[in-house]
Each structure stands twice: as structure tokens, then as C-alpha cells.
Amino acid sequence: MPEQLQQSKKIDVRAAVNAVQIYFQSIQDLIGSEPKNVRLEEVELSEDKKFWLITLGYNLANSVKNNPLENLGISIGENREYKIFKVDAETGEVASMKIREL
């Protein structure tokens, strides 16, 4: 049987990113404060082609006590954070989420 027919079908990059978005939305309440400006930062297929590595970046507001601008919805400073999600290239299941160190 030709090698191409023996290989199982892999999800494409859009399906992998979609899986990450759904997963990330489902755990946002566990992050502490509401992530803002969520963006796709990086996409990579692992060397063995078994996993998609998807990096999302987002801003989290710094917690500042007695922020006079808070009533206007203005936060004083935000931290940009990054998470790397490892997605199974066959099933689309998110296998892990890690902090990406800068």
C-alpha cells in the first residue's frame, strides 16, 4: 500500500488554532483576570508531525489598588503573556498548555 494511503489524516492549521481558541475560552475564568487583545503569535508543526504547537499572546491588566482611572475602564499597565498549546495533529485535542518564556 502506498505510504500516502497508510498515513492517517491530519488536521490542518486552522483546525488546530480553532481547537486552541475553544480550549482557551473554556479556561479563561481560571487565569485570574480577563485576557485582552488575544492574538495568534506563532504556529509550528512538530518535527515528527504529530503535534501542532500554537502560541497565543494576550494582555492581563496589572492589579493596581485605588486606580482612579478604573471607573473609566482604563488600566494602569498591562502585561503581555504567552501560552504554547500542544495540539494532537490527528485528533485536534489540546494535549498541553505551557507558559512561553521570553
N, C-alpha and C. Protein backbone atom coordinates (compact mmCIF):
# COMPACT_ATOMS: atom_id res chain seq x y z
N MET A 1 0.85 -1.18 0.00
CA MET A 1 0.00 0.00 0.00
C MET A 1 0.90 1.24 0.00
N PRO A 2 0.61 2.23 -0.82
CA PRO A 2 1.44 3.43 -0.85
C PRO A 2 1.47 4.12 0.50
N GLU A 3 2.61 4.73 0.79
CA GLU A 3 2.80 5.39 2.09
C GLU A 3 1.75 6.47 2.33
N GLN A 4 1.35 7.18 1.29
CA GLN A 4 0.37 8.26 1.45
C GLN A 4 -0.97 7.72 1.95
N LEU A 5 -1.36 6.53 1.53
CA LEU A 5 -2.62 5.97 1.97
C LEU A 5 -2.53 5.41 3.38
N GLN A 6 -1.34 5.02 3.83
CA GLN A 6 -1.16 4.48 5.16
C GLN A 6 -1.18 5.57 6.22
N GLN A 7 -0.81 6.78 5.85
CA GLN A 7 -0.79 7.87 6.81
C GLN A 7 -2.22 8.25 7.17
N SER A 8 -2.43 8.49 8.46
CA SER A 8 -3.76 8.92 8.87
C SER A 8 -3.94 10.40 8.52
N LYS A 9 -5.16 10.80 8.44
CA LYS A 9 -5.47 12.18 8.07
C LYS A 9 -5.10 13.11 9.23
N LYS A 10 -4.45 14.20 8.92
CA LYS A 10 -4.04 15.19 9.91
C LYS A 10 -4.95 16.40 9.83
N ILE A 11 -5.16 17.04 10.97
CA ILE A 11 -5.93 18.29 10.95
C ILE A 11 -5.03 19.39 10.39
N ASP A 12 -5.65 20.39 9.78
CA ASP A 12 -4.87 21.48 9.23
C ASP A 12 -4.66 22.55 10.30
N VAL A 13 -3.90 23.58 9.96
CA VAL A 13 -3.53 24.61 10.93
C VAL A 13 -4.76 25.36 11.43
N ARG A 14 -5.74 25.60 10.57
CA ARG A 14 -6.94 26.30 11.01
C ARG A 14 -7.71 25.50 12.06
N ALA A 15 -7.81 24.20 11.86
CA ALA A 15 -8.50 23.35 12.83
C ALA A 15 -7.74 23.33 14.16
N ALA A 16 -6.42 23.32 14.10
CA ALA A 16 -5.60 23.32 15.32
C ALA A 16 -5.79 24.64 16.09
N VAL A 17 -5.76 25.75 15.38
CA VAL A 17 -5.95 27.06 16.01
C VAL A 17 -7.35 27.17 16.60
N ASN A 18 -8.34 26.68 15.89
CA ASN A 18 -9.72 26.69 16.37
C ASN A 18 -9.85 25.88 17.67
N ALA A 19 -9.20 24.73 17.73
CA ALA A 19 -9.22 23.90 18.94
C ALA A 19 -8.61 24.66 20.12
N VAL A 20 -7.53 25.38 19.86
CA VAL A 20 -6.87 26.16 20.91
C VAL A 20 -7.78 27.30 21.37
N GLN A 21 -8.43 27.99 20.45
CA GLN A 21 -9.32 29.09 20.82
C GLN A 21 -10.46 28.60 21.72
N ILE A 22 -11.05 27.49 21.37
CA ILE A 22 -12.14 26.93 22.17
C ILE A 22 -11.63 26.53 23.55
N TYR A 23 -10.49 25.88 23.59
CA TYR A 23 -9.88 25.46 24.86
C TYR A 23 -9.57 26.67 25.73
N PHE A 24 -8.93 27.69 25.15
CA PHE A 24 -8.54 28.88 25.89
C PHE A 24 -9.76 29.60 26.45
N GLN A 25 -10.80 29.72 25.65
CA GLN A 25 -12.03 30.36 26.13
C GLN A 25 -12.64 29.59 27.29
N SER A 26 -12.53 28.27 27.26
CA SER A 26 -13.14 27.46 28.32
C SER A 26 -12.41 27.57 29.66
N ILE A 27 -11.16 28.03 29.65
CA ILE A 27 -10.40 28.13 30.90
C ILE A 27 -10.10 29.57 31.31
N GLN A 28 -10.62 30.55 30.60
CA GLN A 28 -10.30 31.95 30.90
C GLN A 28 -10.63 32.33 32.33
N ASP A 29 -11.68 31.77 32.91
CA ASP A 29 -12.03 32.12 34.28
C ASP A 29 -10.98 31.63 35.28
N LEU A 30 -10.13 30.71 34.88
CA LEU A 30 -9.07 30.20 35.75
C LEU A 30 -7.80 31.03 35.70
N ILE A 31 -7.71 31.95 34.77
CA ILE A 31 -6.49 32.74 34.57
C ILE A 31 -6.36 33.85 35.61
N GLY A 32 -7.44 34.34 36.13
CA GLY A 32 -7.37 35.36 37.17
C GLY A 32 -8.03 36.65 36.78
N SER A 33 -7.64 37.23 35.69
CA SER A 33 -8.32 38.41 35.16
C SER A 33 -8.57 38.17 33.68
N GLU A 34 -9.44 38.97 33.12
CA GLU A 34 -9.86 38.73 31.74
C GLU A 34 -8.75 39.04 30.75
N PRO A 35 -8.35 38.05 29.95
CA PRO A 35 -7.33 38.30 28.92
C PRO A 35 -7.89 39.24 27.86
N LYS A 36 -7.07 40.20 27.45
CA LYS A 36 -7.46 41.15 26.42
C LYS A 36 -6.48 41.06 25.26
N ASN A 37 -6.94 41.49 24.11
CA ASN A 37 -6.09 41.54 22.92
C ASN A 37 -5.44 40.18 22.64
N VAL A 38 -6.26 39.12 22.63
CA VAL A 38 -5.75 37.77 22.36
C VAL A 38 -5.41 37.68 20.88
N ARG A 39 -4.18 37.24 20.60
CA ARG A 39 -3.72 37.13 19.21
C ARG A 39 -2.97 35.82 19.00
N LEU A 40 -3.09 35.34 17.79
CA LEU A 40 -2.27 34.21 17.37
C LEU A 40 -0.87 34.75 17.12
N GLU A 41 0.13 34.17 17.79
CA GLU A 41 1.50 34.66 17.68
C GLU A 41 2.38 33.76 16.82
N GLU A 42 2.29 32.45 17.06
CA GLU A 42 3.16 31.51 16.33
C GLU A 42 2.42 30.20 16.09
N VAL A 43 2.79 29.55 14.99
CA VAL A 43 2.27 28.22 14.65
C VAL A 43 3.44 27.40 14.13
N GLU A 44 3.52 26.17 14.62
CA GLU A 44 4.60 25.29 14.18
C GLU A 44 4.11 23.84 14.22
N LEU A 45 4.47 23.08 13.22
CA LEU A 45 4.21 21.64 13.22
C LEU A 45 5.47 20.98 13.75
N SER A 46 5.31 20.10 14.74
CA SER A 46 6.49 19.45 15.33
C SER A 46 7.26 18.67 14.27
N GLU A 47 8.54 18.43 14.54
CA GLU A 47 9.39 17.75 13.56
C GLU A 47 8.84 16.38 13.19
N ASP A 48 8.25 15.68 14.15
CA ASP A 48 7.69 14.36 13.86
C ASP A 48 6.27 14.44 13.27
N LYS A 49 5.78 15.69 13.12
CA LYS A 49 4.48 15.98 12.52
C LYS A 49 3.30 15.41 13.32
N LYS A 50 3.51 15.15 14.60
CA LYS A 50 2.45 14.61 15.44
C LYS A 50 1.68 15.68 16.20
N PHE A 51 2.26 16.87 16.32
CA PHE A 51 1.62 17.92 17.10
C PHE A 51 1.76 19.27 16.42
N TRP A 52 0.71 20.08 16.58
CA TRP A 52 0.78 21.49 16.25
C TRP A 52 1.15 22.22 17.52
N LEU A 53 2.08 23.16 17.44
CA LEU A 53 2.46 24.00 18.56
C LEU A 53 1.96 25.40 18.25
N ILE A 54 0.96 25.84 19.01
CA ILE A 54 0.27 27.09 18.75
C ILE A 54 0.55 28.03 19.91
N THR A 55 1.05 29.23 19.62
CA THR A 55 1.30 30.22 20.67
C THR A 55 0.28 31.34 20.57
N LEU A 56 -0.42 31.59 21.68
CA LEU A 56 -1.32 32.72 21.80
C LEU A 56 -0.69 33.74 22.74
N GLY A 57 -0.86 35.01 22.41
CA GLY A 57 -0.43 36.09 23.28
C GLY A 57 -1.64 36.88 23.71
N TYR A 58 -1.59 37.42 24.93
CA TYR A 58 -2.71 38.21 25.43
C TYR A 58 -2.22 39.15 26.52
N ASN A 59 -3.00 40.18 26.78
CA ASN A 59 -2.67 41.15 27.83
C ASN A 59 -3.50 40.86 29.07
N LEU A 60 -2.86 41.01 30.22
CA LEU A 60 -3.55 40.97 31.51
C LEU A 60 -3.27 42.28 32.21
N ALA A 61 -4.31 42.87 32.77
CA ALA A 61 -4.15 44.14 33.47
C ALA A 61 -3.37 43.92 34.76
N ASN A 62 -2.47 44.85 35.06
CA ASN A 62 -1.80 44.85 36.35
C ASN A 62 -2.82 45.23 37.41
N SER A 63 -2.71 44.61 38.56
CA SER A 63 -3.63 44.99 39.63
C SER A 63 -3.02 46.15 40.41
N VAL A 64 -3.66 47.30 40.30
CA VAL A 64 -3.21 48.50 40.99
C VAL A 64 -4.34 48.95 41.91
N LYS A 65 -4.06 49.02 43.20
CA LYS A 65 -5.08 49.45 44.15
C LYS A 65 -5.34 50.94 44.00
N ASN A 66 -6.61 51.31 44.17
CA ASN A 66 -7.03 52.71 44.11
C ASN A 66 -6.68 53.37 42.78
N ASN A 67 -6.87 52.67 41.70
CA ASN A 67 -6.64 53.22 40.38
C ASN A 67 -7.77 54.21 40.07
N PRO A 68 -7.49 55.52 40.01
CA PRO A 68 -8.55 56.49 39.76
C PRO A 68 -9.15 56.38 38.36
N LEU A 69 -8.47 55.73 37.44
CA LEU A 69 -8.96 55.61 36.06
C LEU A 69 -9.79 54.34 35.85
N GLU A 70 -9.86 53.50 36.88
CA GLU A 70 -10.55 52.22 36.75
C GLU A 70 -12.02 52.40 36.38
N ASN A 71 -12.66 53.45 36.92
CA ASN A 71 -14.07 53.71 36.60
C ASN A 71 -14.27 54.01 35.12
N LEU A 72 -13.23 54.46 34.47
CA LEU A 72 -13.31 54.76 33.04
C LEU A 72 -12.91 53.56 32.18
N GLY A 73 -12.60 52.45 32.84
CA GLY A 73 -12.18 51.25 32.11
C GLY A 73 -10.74 51.31 31.65
N ILE A 74 -9.95 52.17 32.27
CA ILE A 74 -8.55 52.31 31.89
C ILE A 74 -7.68 51.65 32.95
N SER A 75 -6.87 50.70 32.54
CA SER A 75 -5.97 50.06 33.49
C SER A 75 -4.60 50.71 33.39
N ILE A 76 -3.90 50.68 34.49
CA ILE A 76 -2.55 51.23 34.51
C ILE A 76 -1.59 50.08 34.23
N GLY A 77 -1.19 50.01 33.01
CA GLY A 77 -0.24 48.98 32.61
C GLY A 77 -0.87 47.62 32.40
N GLU A 78 -0.34 46.93 31.46
CA GLU A 78 -0.76 45.56 31.19
C GLU A 78 0.49 44.74 30.91
N ASN A 79 0.41 43.50 31.28
CA ASN A 79 1.50 42.55 30.98
C ASN A 79 1.09 41.70 29.80
N ARG A 80 2.01 41.51 28.86
CA ARG A 80 1.76 40.61 27.73
C ARG A 80 2.23 39.23 28.16
N GLU A 81 1.37 38.26 28.03
CA GLU A 81 1.71 36.89 28.38
C GLU A 81 1.51 36.01 27.16
N TYR A 82 2.21 34.88 27.15
CA TYR A 82 2.17 33.96 26.02
C TYR A 82 2.00 32.54 26.53
N LYS A 83 1.16 31.79 25.84
CA LYS A 83 0.96 30.38 26.15
C LYS A 83 1.19 29.56 24.89
N ILE A 84 1.87 28.44 25.07
CA ILE A 84 2.08 27.50 23.97
C ILE A 84 1.15 26.31 24.18
N PHE A 85 0.35 26.02 23.18
CA PHE A 85 -0.58 24.90 23.23
C PHE A 85 -0.07 23.81 22.30
N LYS A 86 -0.07 22.60 22.78
CA LYS A 86 0.34 21.44 22.00
C LYS A 86 -0.93 20.69 21.61
N VAL A 87 -1.18 20.61 20.30
CA VAL A 87 -2.41 20.03 19.79
C VAL A 87 -2.09 18.77 18.99
N ASP A 88 -2.76 17.68 19.31
CA ASP A 88 -2.58 16.43 18.58
C ASP A 88 -2.99 16.65 17.13
N ALA A 89 -2.09 16.39 16.20
CA ALA A 89 -2.32 16.67 14.78
C ALA A 89 -3.32 15.72 14.14
N GLU A 90 -3.65 14.62 14.81
CA GLU A 90 -4.64 13.70 14.26
C GLU A 90 -6.02 13.95 14.83
N THR A 91 -6.11 14.15 16.14
CA THR A 91 -7.41 14.27 16.79
C THR A 91 -7.86 15.71 17.00
N GLY A 92 -6.93 16.66 17.03
CA GLY A 92 -7.27 18.04 17.32
C GLY A 92 -7.41 18.32 18.80
N GLU A 93 -7.11 17.34 19.63
CA GLU A 93 -7.21 17.51 21.09
C GLU A 93 -6.03 18.31 21.62
N VAL A 94 -6.32 19.26 22.51
CA VAL A 94 -5.25 20.03 23.15
C VAL A 94 -4.61 19.13 24.20
N ALA A 95 -3.33 18.84 24.01
CA ALA A 95 -2.61 17.93 24.90
C ALA A 95 -1.94 18.66 26.06
N SER A 96 -1.53 19.91 25.84
CA SER A 96 -0.89 20.65 26.92
C SER A 96 -0.93 22.14 26.65
N MET A 97 -0.72 22.91 27.73
CA MET A 97 -0.60 24.35 27.66
C MET A 97 0.56 24.73 28.58
N LYS A 98 1.50 25.50 28.04
CA LYS A 98 2.68 25.90 28.82
C LYS A 98 2.91 27.39 28.69
N ILE A 99 3.58 27.96 29.68
CA ILE A 99 3.98 29.35 29.61
C ILE A 99 5.18 29.46 28.70
N ARG A 100 5.12 30.37 27.76
CA ARG A 100 6.27 30.60 26.89
C ARG A 100 7.15 31.66 27.54
N GLU A 101 8.37 31.29 27.81
CA GLU A 101 9.33 32.22 28.40
C GLU A 101 9.91 33.09 27.29
N LEU A 102 10.08 34.36 27.59
CA LEU A 102 10.66 35.27 26.60
C LEU A 102 12.16 35.21 26.60
